[in-house]
PDB file of N, CA and C in Angstrom:
ATOM      1  N   MET A   1     199.645 -32.658 -33.411  1.00  0.00           N
ATOM      2  CA  MET A   1     198.797 -32.569 -34.596  1.00  0.00           C
ATOM      3  C   MET A   1     198.109 -31.202 -34.627  1.00  0.00           C
ATOM      4  N   GLU A   2     198.163 -30.555 -35.773  1.00  0.00           N
ATOM      5  CA  GLU A   2     197.593 -29.226 -35.904  1.00  0.00           C
ATOM      6  C   GLU A   2     196.079 -29.316 -36.101  1.00  0.00           C
ATOM      7  N   GLU A   3     195.363 -28.448 -35.407  1.00  0.00           N
ATOM      8  CA  GLU A   3     193.909 -28.424 -35.526  1.00  0.00           C
ATOM      9  C   GLU A   3     193.524 -27.798 -36.867  1.00  0.00           C
ATOM     10  N   GLU A   4     192.561 -28.392 -37.539  1.00  0.00           N
ATOM     11  CA  GLU A   4     192.129 -27.883 -38.836  1.00  0.00           C
ATOM     12  C   GLU A   4     191.356 -26.580 -38.650  1.00  0.00           C
ATOM     13  N   GLN A   5     191.713 -25.579 -39.435  1.00  0.00           N
ATOM     14  CA  GLN A   5     191.042 -24.284 -39.372  1.00  0.00           C
ATOM     15  C   GLN A   5     189.714 -24.325 -40.114  1.00  0.00           C
ATOM     16  N   GLU A   6     188.709 -23.667 -39.545  1.00  0.00           N
ATOM     17  CA  GLU A   6     187.450 -23.528 -40.271  1.00  0.00           C
ATOM     18  C   GLU A   6     187.639 -22.513 -41.392  1.00  0.00           C
ATOM     19  N   PRO A   7     186.903 -22.673 -42.464  1.00  0.00           N
ATOM     20  CA  PRO A   7     187.080 -21.767 -43.608  1.00  0.00           C
ATOM     21  C   PRO A   7     186.356 -20.427 -43.446  1.00  0.00           C
ATOM     22  N   PHE A   8     185.688 -20.221 -42.323  1.00  0.00           N
ATOM     23  CA  PHE A   8     185.011 -18.952 -42.065  1.00  0.00           C
ATOM     24  C   PHE A   8     185.335 -18.530 -40.635  1.00  0.00           C
ATOM     25  N   LYS A   9     184.981 -17.292 -40.306  1.00  0.00           N
ATOM     26  CA  LYS A   9     185.286 -16.777 -38.969  1.00  0.00           C
ATOM     27  C   LYS A   9     184.031 -16.763 -38.103  1.00  0.00           C
ATOM     28  N   ARG A  10     184.169 -17.199 -36.865  1.00  0.00           N
ATOM     29  CA  ARG A  10     183.065 -17.143 -35.902  1.00  0.00           C
ATOM     30  C   ARG A  10     183.196 -15.841 -35.116  1.00  0.00           C
ATOM     31  N   ILE A  11     182.096 -15.104 -35.023  1.00  0.00           N
ATOM     32  CA  ILE A  11     182.114 -13.831 -34.303  1.00  0.00           C
ATOM     33  C   ILE A  11     180.950 -13.796 -33.323  1.00  0.00           C
ATOM     34  N   ASP A  12     181.114 -13.036 -32.232  1.00  0.00           N
ATOM     35  CA  ASP A  12     180.011 -12.889 -31.284  1.00  0.00           C
ATOM     36  C   ASP A  12     179.100 -11.746 -31.746  1.00  0.00           C
ATOM     37  N   VAL A  13     177.971 -11.587 -31.069  1.00  0.00           N
ATOM     38  CA  VAL A  13     176.993 -10.591 -31.509  1.00  0.00           C
ATOM     39  C   VAL A  13     177.521  -9.167 -31.386  1.00  0.00           C
ATOM     40  N   SER A  14     178.355  -8.897 -30.394  1.00  0.00           N
ATOM     41  CA  SER A  14     178.916  -7.545 -30.243  1.00  0.00           C
ATOM     42  C   SER A  14     179.823  -7.202 -31.424  1.00  0.00           C
ATOM     43  N   THR A  15     180.643  -8.151 -31.825  1.00  0.00           N
ATOM     44  CA  THR A  15     181.506  -7.945 -32.985  1.00  0.00           C
ATOM     45  C   THR A  15     180.670  -7.775 -34.249  1.00  0.00           C
ATOM     46  N   ALA A  16     179.632  -8.610 -34.389  1.00  0.00           N
ATOM     47  CA  ALA A  16     178.749  -8.496 -35.556  1.00  0.00           C
ATOM     48  C   ALA A  16     178.117  -7.118 -35.614  1.00  0.00           C
ATOM     49  N   ARG A  17     177.638  -6.634 -34.479  1.00  0.00           N
ATOM     50  CA  ARG A  17     176.994  -5.317 -34.456  1.00  0.00           C
ATOM     51  C   ARG A  17     177.983  -4.232 -34.875  1.00  0.00           C
ATOM     52  N   GLN A  18     179.210  -4.296 -34.371  1.00  0.00           N
ATOM     53  CA  GLN A  18     180.233  -3.312 -34.741  1.00  0.00           C
ATOM     54  C   GLN A  18     180.504  -3.349 -36.245  1.00  0.00           C
ATOM     55  N   MET A  19     180.591  -4.559 -36.796  1.00  0.00           N
ATOM     56  CA  MET A  19     180.852  -4.699 -38.231  1.00  0.00           C
ATOM     57  C   MET A  19     179.690  -4.148 -39.051  1.00  0.00           C
ATOM     58  N   ILE A  20     178.472  -4.414 -38.613  1.00  0.00           N
ATOM     59  CA  ILE A  20     177.281  -3.936 -39.320  1.00  0.00           C
ATOM     60  C   ILE A  20     177.229  -2.408 -39.272  1.00  0.00           C
ATOM     61  N   GLU A  21     177.476  -1.841 -38.097  1.00  0.00           N
ATOM     62  CA  GLU A  21     177.446  -0.384 -37.948  1.00  0.00           C
ATOM     63  C   GLU A  21     178.536   0.296 -38.768  1.00  0.00           C
ATOM     64  N   ALA A  22     179.675  -0.378 -38.952  1.00  0.00           N
ATOM     65  CA  ALA A  22     180.773   0.175 -39.750  1.00  0.00           C
ATOM     66  C   ALA A  22     180.429   0.192 -41.241  1.00  0.00           C
ATOM     67  N   GLY A  23     179.504  -0.691 -41.656  1.00  0.00           N
ATOM     68  CA  GLY A  23     179.060  -0.728 -43.049  1.00  0.00           C
ATOM     69  C   GLY A  23     179.908  -1.623 -43.930  1.00  0.00           C
ATOM     70  N   GLY A  24     179.441  -1.786 -45.158  1.00  0.00           N
ATOM     71  CA  GLY A  24     180.177  -2.568 -46.134  1.00  0.00           C
ATOM     72  C   GLY A  24     180.085  -4.063 -45.943  1.00  0.00           C
ATOM     73  N   ILE A  25     179.056  -4.510 -45.225  1.00  0.00           N
ATOM     74  CA  ILE A  25     178.907  -5.946 -45.001  1.00  0.00           C
ATOM     75  C   ILE A  25     177.460  -6.356 -45.237  1.00  0.00           C
ATOM     76  N   ARG A  26     177.278  -7.506 -45.798  1.00  0.00           N
ATOM     77  CA  ARG A  26     175.945  -8.054 -46.068  1.00  0.00           C
ATOM     78  C   ARG A  26     175.578  -8.994 -44.922  1.00  0.00           C
ATOM     79  N   VAL A  27     174.311  -8.939 -44.492  1.00  0.00           N
ATOM     80  CA  VAL A  27     173.835  -9.834 -43.442  1.00  0.00           C
ATOM     81  C   VAL A  27     172.740 -10.701 -44.044  1.00  0.00           C
ATOM     82  N   ILE A  28     172.932 -12.013 -43.970  1.00  0.00           N
ATOM     83  CA  ILE A  28     171.946 -12.956 -44.502  1.00  0.00           C
ATOM     84  C   ILE A  28     171.413 -13.800 -43.354  1.00  0.00           C
ATOM     85  N   ASP A  29     170.100 -13.749 -43.172  1.00  0.00           N
ATOM     86  CA  ASP A  29     169.404 -14.555 -42.161  1.00  0.00           C
ATOM     87  C   ASP A  29     168.912 -15.805 -42.875  1.00  0.00           C
ATOM     88  N   VAL A  30     169.350 -16.976 -42.405  1.00  0.00           N
ATOM     89  CA  VAL A  30     169.037 -18.225 -43.097  1.00  0.00           C
ATOM     90  C   VAL A  30     167.876 -18.987 -42.463  1.00  0.00           C
ATOM     91  N   ARG A  31     167.143 -18.319 -41.557  1.00  0.00           N
ATOM     92  CA  ARG A  31     165.996 -18.992 -40.933  1.00  0.00           C
ATOM     93  C   ARG A  31     164.816 -19.037 -41.905  1.00  0.00           C
ATOM     94  N   GLU A  32     163.744 -19.646 -41.459  1.00  0.00           N
ATOM     95  CA  GLU A  32     162.524 -19.720 -42.255  1.00  0.00           C
ATOM     96  C   GLU A  32     161.754 -18.409 -42.132  1.00  0.00           C
ATOM     97  N   PRO A  33     160.871 -18.098 -43.097  1.00  0.00           N
ATOM     98  CA  PRO A  33     160.157 -16.821 -43.086  1.00  0.00           C
ATOM     99  C   PRO A  33     159.411 -16.506 -41.780  1.00  0.00           C
ATOM    100  N   ASN A  34     158.780 -17.506 -41.170  1.00  0.00           N
ATOM    101  CA  ASN A  34     158.043 -17.240 -39.928  1.00  0.00           C
ATOM    102  C   ASN A  34     158.991 -16.865 -38.794  1.00  0.00           C
ATOM    103  N   GLU A  35     160.184 -17.464 -38.765  1.00  0.00           N
ATOM    104  CA  GLU A  35     161.177 -17.125 -37.744  1.00  0.00           C
ATOM    105  C   GLU A  35     161.693 -15.700 -37.969  1.00  0.00           C
ATOM    106  N   TYR A  36     161.977 -15.389 -39.211  1.00  0.00           N
ATOM    107  CA  TYR A  36     162.473 -14.057 -39.594  1.00  0.00           C
ATOM    108  C   TYR A  36     161.445 -12.986 -39.229  1.00  0.00           C
ATOM    109  N   ALA A  37     160.178 -13.280 -39.480  1.00  0.00           N
ATOM    110  CA  ALA A  37     159.108 -12.316 -39.207  1.00  0.00           C
ATOM    111  C   ALA A  37     158.957 -12.027 -37.715  1.00  0.00           C
ATOM    112  N   SER A  38     159.396 -12.943 -36.866  1.00  0.00           N
ATOM    113  CA  SER A  38     159.247 -12.740 -35.426  1.00  0.00           C
ATOM    114  C   SER A  38     160.317 -11.796 -34.865  1.00  0.00           C
ATOM    115  N   GLY A  39     161.277 -11.413 -35.684  1.00  0.00           N
ATOM    116  CA  GLY A  39     162.312 -10.471 -35.278  1.00  0.00           C
ATOM    117  C   GLY A  39     163.656 -10.865 -35.849  1.00  0.00           C
ATOM    118  N   HIS A  40     164.346  -9.885 -36.448  1.00  0.00           N
ATOM    119  CA  HIS A  40     165.642 -10.170 -37.077  1.00  0.00           C
ATOM    120  C   HIS A  40     166.587  -8.972 -36.952  1.00  0.00           C
ATOM    121  N   VAL A  41     167.848  -9.225 -37.223  1.00  0.00           N
ATOM    122  CA  VAL A  41     168.867  -8.183 -37.236  1.00  0.00           C
ATOM    123  C   VAL A  41     168.447  -7.145 -38.287  1.00  0.00           C
ATOM    124  N   PRO A  42     168.488  -5.854 -37.957  1.00  0.00           N
ATOM    125  CA  PRO A  42     168.086  -4.825 -38.924  1.00  0.00           C
ATOM    126  C   PRO A  42     168.818  -4.973 -40.262  1.00  0.00           C
ATOM    127  N   ASN A  43     168.047  -4.837 -41.326  1.00  0.00           N
ATOM    128  CA  ASN A  43     168.534  -4.903 -42.710  1.00  0.00           C
ATOM    129  C   ASN A  43     169.063  -6.265 -43.147  1.00  0.00           C
ATOM    130  N   ALA A  44     168.828  -7.307 -42.357  1.00  0.00           N
ATOM    131  CA  ALA A  44     169.252  -8.651 -42.770  1.00  0.00           C
ATOM    132  C   ALA A  44     168.363  -9.134 -43.908  1.00  0.00           C
ATOM    133  N   GLU A  45     168.982  -9.743 -44.904  1.00  0.00           N
ATOM    134  CA  GLU A  45     168.235 -10.334 -46.012  1.00  0.00           C
ATOM    135  C   GLU A  45     167.786 -11.730 -45.605  1.00  0.00           C
ATOM    136  N   LEU A  46     166.571 -12.081 -45.932  1.00  0.00           N
ATOM    137  CA  LEU A  46     166.087 -13.434 -45.664  1.00  0.00           C
ATOM    138  C   LEU A  46     166.368 -14.322 -46.864  1.00  0.00           C
ATOM    139  N   ILE A  47     167.223 -15.312 -46.659  1.00  0.00           N
ATOM    140  CA  ILE A  47     167.454 -16.359 -47.658  1.00  0.00           C
ATOM    141  C   ILE A  47     167.523 -17.668 -46.871  1.00  0.00           C
ATOM    142  N   PRO A  48     166.397 -18.398 -46.779  1.00  0.00           N
ATOM    143  CA  PRO A  48     166.398 -19.640 -45.991  1.00  0.00           C
ATOM    144  C   PRO A  48     167.512 -20.601 -46.418  1.00  0.00           C
ATOM    145  N   LEU A  49     168.035 -21.317 -45.446  1.00  0.00           N
ATOM    146  CA  LEU A  49     169.157 -22.225 -45.683  1.00  0.00           C
ATOM    147  C   LEU A  49     168.895 -23.171 -46.850  1.00  0.00           C
ATOM    148  N   GLY A  50     167.695 -23.704 -46.953  1.00  0.00           N
ATOM    149  CA  GLY A  50     167.377 -24.623 -48.044  1.00  0.00           C
ATOM    150  C   GLY A  50     167.594 -24.007 -49.417  1.00  0.00           C
ATOM    151  N   GLN A  51     167.300 -22.707 -49.548  1.00  0.00           N
ATOM    152  CA  GLN A  51     167.506 -22.019 -50.832  1.00  0.00           C
ATOM    153  C   GLN A  51     168.998 -21.864 -51.123  1.00  0.00           C
ATOM    154  N   ILE A  52     169.758 -21.563 -50.091  1.00  0.00           N
ATOM    155  CA  ILE A  52     171.209 -21.425 -50.285  1.00  0.00           C
ATOM    156  C   ILE A  52     171.811 -22.765 -50.682  1.00  0.00           C
ATOM    157  N   LEU A  53     171.393 -23.831 -50.013  1.00  0.00           N
ATOM    158  CA  LEU A  53     171.932 -25.151 -50.330  1.00  0.00           C
ATOM    159  C   LEU A  53     171.545 -25.594 -51.734  1.00  0.00           C
ATOM    160  N   ALA A  54     170.325 -25.248 -52.168  1.00  0.00           N
ATOM    161  CA  ALA A  54     169.855 -25.663 -53.488  1.00  0.00           C
ATOM    162  C   ALA A  54     170.512 -24.864 -54.618  1.00  0.00           C
ATOM    163  N   LYS A  55     170.720 -23.565 -54.405  1.00  0.00           N
ATOM    164  CA  LYS A  55     171.252 -22.702 -55.466  1.00  0.00           C
ATOM    165  C   LYS A  55     172.228 -21.681 -54.893  1.00  0.00           C
ATOM    166  N   PRO A  56     173.351 -22.143 -54.374  1.00  0.00           N
ATOM    167  CA  PRO A  56     174.269 -21.217 -53.704  1.00  0.00           C
ATOM    168  C   PRO A  56     174.784 -20.093 -54.600  1.00  0.00           C
ATOM    169  N   LEU A  57     175.022 -20.376 -55.868  1.00  0.00           N
ATOM    170  CA  LEU A  57     175.587 -19.356 -56.748  1.00  0.00           C
ATOM    171  C   LEU A  57     174.608 -18.228 -57.038  1.00  0.00           C
ATOM    172  N   GLU A  58     173.313 -18.468 -56.834  1.00  0.00           N
ATOM    173  CA  GLU A  58     172.319 -17.408 -57.008  1.00  0.00           C
ATOM    174  C   GLU A  58     172.293 -16.457 -55.820  1.00  0.00           C
ATOM    175  N   HIS A  59     172.722 -16.925 -54.659  1.00  0.00           N
ATOM    176  CA  HIS A  59     172.542 -16.163 -53.431  1.00  0.00           C
ATOM    177  C   HIS A  59     173.817 -15.637 -52.799  1.00  0.00           C
ATOM    178  N   ILE A  60     174.962 -16.139 -53.221  1.00  0.00           N
ATOM    179  CA  ILE A  60     176.221 -15.785 -52.572  1.00  0.00           C
ATOM    180  C   ILE A  60     177.137 -15.105 -53.577  1.00  0.00           C
ATOM    181  N   ARG A  61     177.650 -13.950 -53.186  1.00  0.00           N
ATOM    182  CA  ARG A  61     178.638 -13.239 -54.007  1.00  0.00           C
ATOM    183  C   ARG A  61     180.004 -13.449 -53.392  1.00  0.00           C
ATOM    184  N   ALA A  62     180.914 -13.969 -54.170  1.00  0.00           N
ATOM    185  CA  ALA A  62     182.242 -14.320 -53.661  1.00  0.00           C
ATOM    186  C   ALA A  62     182.980 -13.123 -53.073  1.00  0.00           C
ATOM    187  N   ASP A  63     182.771 -11.941 -53.642  1.00  0.00           N
ATOM    188  CA  ASP A  63     183.538 -10.765 -53.228  1.00  0.00           C
ATOM    189  C   ASP A  63     182.844  -9.931 -52.154  1.00  0.00           C
ATOM    190  N   GLN A  64     181.738 -10.399 -51.614  1.00  0.00           N
ATOM    191  CA  GLN A  64     180.968  -9.634 -50.636  1.00  0.00           C
ATOM    192  C   GLN A  64     181.224 -10.138 -49.225  1.00  0.00           C
ATOM    193  N   ARG A  65     181.712  -9.264 -48.340  1.00  0.00           N
ATOM    194  CA  ARG A  65     181.841  -9.623 -46.915  1.00  0.00           C
ATOM    195  C   ARG A  65     180.438  -9.935 -46.415  1.00  0.00           C
ATOM    196  N   THR A  66     180.268 -11.088 -45.790  1.00  0.00           N
ATOM    197  CA  THR A  66     178.937 -11.537 -45.401  1.00  0.00           C
ATOM    198  C   THR A  66     178.940 -12.140 -44.009  1.00  0.00           C
ATOM    199  N   ILE A  67     177.924 -11.750 -43.228  1.00  0.00           N
ATOM    200  CA  ILE A  67     177.661 -12.376 -41.938  1.00  0.00           C
ATOM    201  C   ILE A  67     176.406 -13.224 -42.106  1.00  0.00           C
ATOM    202  N   PHE A  68     176.506 -14.501 -41.767  1.00  0.00           N
ATOM    203  CA  PHE A  68     175.334 -15.378 -41.771  1.00  0.00           C
ATOM    204  C   PHE A  68     174.781 -15.469 -40.357  1.00  0.00           C
ATOM    205  N   VAL A  69     173.440 -15.412 -40.266  1.00  0.00           N
ATOM    206  CA  VAL A  69     172.731 -15.407 -38.992  1.00  0.00           C
ATOM    207  C   VAL A  69     171.600 -16.430 -39.051  1.00  0.00           C
ATOM    208  N   CYS A  70     171.341 -17.109 -37.922  1.00  0.00           N
ATOM    209  CA  CYS A  70     170.151 -17.958 -37.806  1.00  0.00           C
ATOM    210  C   CYS A  70     169.608 -17.794 -36.403  1.00  0.00           C
ATOM    211  N   GLY A  71     168.978 -18.821 -35.878  1.00  0.00           N
ATOM    212  CA  GLY A  71     168.414 -18.740 -34.536  1.00  0.00           C
ATOM    213  C   GLY A  71     169.463 -18.775 -33.445  1.00  0.00           C
ATOM    214  N   VAL A  72     170.376 -19.760 -33.510  1.00  0.00           N
ATOM    215  CA  VAL A  72     171.404 -19.896 -32.471  1.00  0.00           C
ATOM    216  C   VAL A  72     172.820 -20.067 -33.026  1.00  0.00           C
ATOM    217  N   GLY A  73     172.985 -20.087 -34.327  1.00  0.00           N
ATOM    218  CA  GLY A  73     174.315 -20.163 -34.923  1.00  0.00           C
ATOM    219  C   GLY A  73     174.677 -21.462 -35.599  1.00  0.00           C
ATOM    220  N   GLN A  74     173.757 -22.441 -35.628  1.00  0.00           N
ATOM    221  CA  GLN A  74     174.070 -23.720 -36.259  1.00  0.00           C
ATOM    222  C   GLN A  74     173.786 -23.712 -37.761  1.00  0.00           C
ATOM    223  N   ARG A  75     172.586 -23.316 -38.152  1.00  0.00           N
ATOM    224  CA  ARG A  75     172.263 -23.275 -39.591  1.00  0.00           C
ATOM    225  C   ARG A  75     173.132 -22.263 -40.319  1.00  0.00           C
ATOM    226  N   SER A  76     173.425 -21.154 -39.652  1.00  0.00           N
ATOM    227  CA  SER A  76     174.272 -20.140 -40.284  1.00  0.00           C
ATOM    228  C   SER A  76     175.691 -20.662 -40.504  1.00  0.00           C
ATOM    229  N   ALA A  77     176.165 -21.550 -39.642  1.00  0.00           N
ATOM    230  CA  ALA A  77     177.483 -22.159 -39.846  1.00  0.00           C
ATOM    231  C   ALA A  77     177.476 -23.030 -41.099  1.00  0.00           C
ATOM    232  N   VAL A  78     176.381 -23.734 -41.335  1.00  0.00           N
ATOM    233  CA  VAL A  78     176.244 -24.541 -42.557  1.00  0.00           C
ATOM    234  C   VAL A  78     176.262 -23.625 -43.781  1.00  0.00           C
ATOM    235  N   ALA A  79     175.541 -22.507 -43.702  1.00  0.00           N
ATOM    236  CA  ALA A  79     175.514 -21.546 -44.812  1.00  0.00           C
ATOM    237  C   ALA A  79     176.901 -20.961 -45.055  1.00  0.00           C
ATOM    238  N   ALA A  80     177.619 -20.669 -43.980  1.00  0.00           N
ATOM    239  CA  ALA A  80     178.976 -20.127 -44.110  1.00  0.00           C
ATOM    240  C   ALA A  80     179.893 -21.134 -44.804  1.00  0.00           C
ATOM    241  N   GLU A  81     179.781 -22.395 -44.433  1.00  0.00           N
ATOM    242  CA  GLU A  81     180.555 -23.464 -45.095  1.00  0.00           C
ATOM    243  C   GLU A  81     180.237 -23.504 -46.590  1.00  0.00           C
ATOM    244  N   MET A  82     178.948 -23.402 -46.924  1.00  0.00           N
ATOM    245  CA  MET A  82     178.525 -23.439 -48.323  1.00  0.00           C
ATOM    246  C   MET A  82     179.090 -22.243 -49.086  1.00  0.00           C
ATOM    247  N   ALA A  83     179.055 -21.072 -48.464  1.00  0.00           N
ATOM    248  CA  ALA A  83     179.572 -19.865 -49.122  1.00  0.00           C
ATOM    249  C   ALA A  83     181.048 -20.033 -49.479  1.00  0.00           C
ATOM    250  N   VAL A  84     181.811 -20.550 -48.550  1.00  0.00           N
ATOM    251  CA  VAL A  84     183.236 -20.768 -48.795  1.00  0.00           C
ATOM    252  C   VAL A  84     183.426 -21.815 -49.888  1.00  0.00           C
ATOM    253  N   ALA A  85     182.577 -22.834 -49.886  1.00  0.00           N
ATOM    254  CA  ALA A  85     182.683 -23.908 -50.882  1.00  0.00           C
ATOM    255  C   ALA A  85     182.477 -23.396 -52.304  1.00  0.00           C
ATOM    256  N   VAL A  86     181.709 -22.307 -52.462  1.00  0.00           N
ATOM    257  CA  VAL A  86     181.482 -21.766 -53.804  1.00  0.00           C
ATOM    258  C   VAL A  86     182.368 -20.556 -54.095  1.00  0.00           C
ATOM    259  N   GLY A  87     183.389 -20.358 -53.258  1.00  0.00           N
ATOM    260  CA  GLY A  87     184.400 -19.364 -53.587  1.00  0.00           C
ATOM    261  C   GLY A  87     184.388 -18.070 -52.788  1.00  0.00           C
ATOM    262  N   ALA A  88     183.454 -17.905 -51.867  1.00  0.00           N
ATOM    263  CA  ALA A  88     183.457 -16.696 -51.041  1.00  0.00           C
ATOM    264  C   ALA A  88     184.601 -16.783 -50.036  1.00  0.00           C
ATOM    265  N   PHE A  89     185.154 -15.640 -49.665  1.00  0.00           N
ATOM    266  CA  PHE A  89     186.344 -15.697 -48.819  1.00  0.00           C
ATOM    267  C   PHE A  89     186.301 -14.813 -47.583  1.00  0.00           C
ATOM    268  N   ASP A  90     185.363 -13.904 -47.449  1.00  0.00           N
ATOM    269  CA  ASP A  90     185.295 -13.032 -46.275  1.00  0.00           C
ATOM    270  C   ASP A  90     183.962 -13.285 -45.584  1.00  0.00           C
ATOM    271  N   ILE A  91     183.854 -14.459 -44.957  1.00  0.00           N
ATOM    272  CA  ILE A  91     182.589 -14.987 -44.444  1.00  0.00           C
ATOM    273  C   ILE A  91     182.640 -15.120 -42.927  1.00  0.00           C
ATOM    274  N   PHE A  92     181.527 -14.743 -42.289  1.00  0.00           N
ATOM    275  CA  PHE A  92     181.431 -14.769 -40.829  1.00  0.00           C
ATOM    276  C   PHE A  92     180.151 -15.478 -40.401  1.00  0.00           C
ATOM    277  N   ASN A  93     180.240 -16.199 -39.288  1.00  0.00           N
ATOM    278  CA  ASN A  93     179.067 -16.815 -38.672  1.00  0.00           C
ATOM    279  C   ASN A  93     178.839 -16.129 -37.331  1.00  0.00           C
ATOM    280  N   MET A  94     177.622 -15.616 -37.113  1.00  0.00           N
ATOM    281  CA  MET A  94     177.304 -14.952 -35.861  1.00  0.00           C
ATOM    282  C   MET A  94     176.904 -15.996 -34.832  1.00  0.00           C
ATOM    283  N   GLU A  95     177.819 -16.259 -33.898  1.00  0.00           N
ATOM    284  CA  GLU A  95     177.593 -17.250 -32.853  1.00  0.00           C
ATOM    285  C   GLU A  95     176.457 -16.809 -31.921  1.00  0.00           C
ATOM    286  N   GLY A  96     175.615 -17.743 -31.549  1.00  0.00           N
ATOM    287  CA  GLY A  96     174.488 -17.435 -30.667  1.00  0.00           C
ATOM    288  C   GLY A  96     173.265 -16.963 -31.413  1.00  0.00           C
ATOM    289  N   GLY A  97     173.456 -16.568 -32.670  1.00  0.00           N
ATOM    290  CA  GLY A  97     172.356 -16.204 -33.549  1.00  0.00           C
ATOM    291  C   GLY A  97     171.475 -15.069 -33.049  1.00  0.00           C
ATOM    292  N   THR A  98     170.276 -15.039 -33.608  1.00  0.00           N
ATOM    293  CA  THR A  98     169.309 -13.996 -33.281  1.00  0.00           C
ATOM    294  C   THR A  98     168.943 -14.034 -31.807  1.00  0.00           C
ATOM    295  N   LYS A  99     168.935 -15.213 -31.229  1.00  0.00           N
ATOM    296  CA  LYS A  99     168.629 -15.350 -29.800  1.00  0.00           C
ATOM    297  C   LYS A  99     169.613 -14.527 -28.966  1.00  0.00           C
ATOM    298  N   ALA A 100     170.899 -14.675 -29.223  1.00  0.00           N
ATOM    299  CA  ALA A 100     171.921 -13.925 -28.483  1.00  0.00           C
ATOM    300  C   ALA A 100     171.838 -12.429 -28.796  1.00  0.00           C
ATOM    301  N   TRP A 101     171.515 -12.095 -30.049  1.00  0.00           N
ATOM    302  CA  TRP A 101     171.373 -10.689 -30.454  1.00  0.00           C
ATOM    303  C   TRP A 101     170.282 -10.030 -29.612  1.00  0.00           C
ATOM    304  N   ILE A 102     169.123 -10.681 -29.531  1.00  0.00           N
ATOM    305  CA  ILE A 102     167.991 -10.140 -28.771  1.00  0.00           C
ATOM    306  C   ILE A 102     168.332 -10.095 -27.270  1.00  0.00           C
ATOM    307  N   GLU A 103     168.944 -11.149 -26.767  1.00  0.00           N
ATOM    308  CA  GLU A 103     169.306 -11.197 -25.336  1.00  0.00           C
ATOM    309  C   GLU A 103     170.320 -10.102 -24.975  1.00  0.00           C
ATOM    310  N   SER A 104     171.095  -9.651 -25.954  1.00  0.00           N
ATOM    311  CA  SER A 104     172.052  -8.568 -25.720  1.00  0.00           C
ATOM    312  C   SER A 104     171.381  -7.198 -25.734  1.00  0.00           C
ATOM    313  N   GLY A 105     170.095  -7.175 -26.067  1.00  0.00           N
ATOM    314  CA  GLY A 105     169.365  -5.916 -26.085  1.00  0.00           C
ATOM    315  C   GLY A 105     169.562  -5.108 -27.357  1.00  0.00           C
ATOM    316  N   PHE A 106     170.105  -5.733 -28.393  1.00  0.00           N
ATOM    317  CA  PHE A 106     170.337  -5.043 -29.647  1.00  0.00           C
ATOM    318  C   PHE A 106     169.024  -4.884 -30.416  1.00  0.00           C
ATOM    319  N   PRO A 107     168.911  -3.858 -31.246  1.00  0.00           N
ATOM    320  CA  PRO A 107     167.661  -3.602 -31.973  1.00  0.00           C
ATOM    321  C   PRO A 107     167.342  -4.706 -32.988  1.00  0.00           C
ATOM    322  N   THR A 108     166.047  -4.934 -33.168  1.00  0.00           N
ATOM    323  CA  THR A 108     165.588  -5.880 -34.190  1.00  0.00           C
ATOM    324  C   THR A 108     164.513  -5.211 -35.033  1.00  0.00           C
ATOM    325  N   GLU A 109     164.256  -5.817 -36.171  1.00  0.00           N
ATOM    326  CA  GLU A 109     163.167  -5.400 -37.055  1.00  0.00           C
ATOM    327  C   GLU A 109     162.183  -6.547 -37.167  1.00  0.00           C
ATOM    328  N   ARG A 110     160.958  -6.204 -37.483  1.00  0.00           N
ATOM    329  CA  ARG A 110     159.929  -7.220 -37.740  1.00  0.00           C
ATOM    330  C   ARG A 110     159.346  -7.007 -39.114  1.00  0.00           C
TER     331      ARG A 110
END
């Protein structure tokens, strides 16, 4: 029996950083404002998961390469699923989330 493919790609923080540094990709942090304020991936847009779930077409552009980020990678996976459900096709989930990003020593913004 063939394993069902996820509709988005899972990437580690090193891959995410390389993609961000290369440019041409949108980063959306789906945590709550207080979590985002405590430190986030540089230039990540804050759009809490609840807002994406309530109005996905307002927040997701189908033609935009996007990395979704949260605390550890669970909420961002839900956001990635939602993005694909509304027609986006170049979607990534950053596994390990902001926690792994910080633990890797990568720069953050507050």
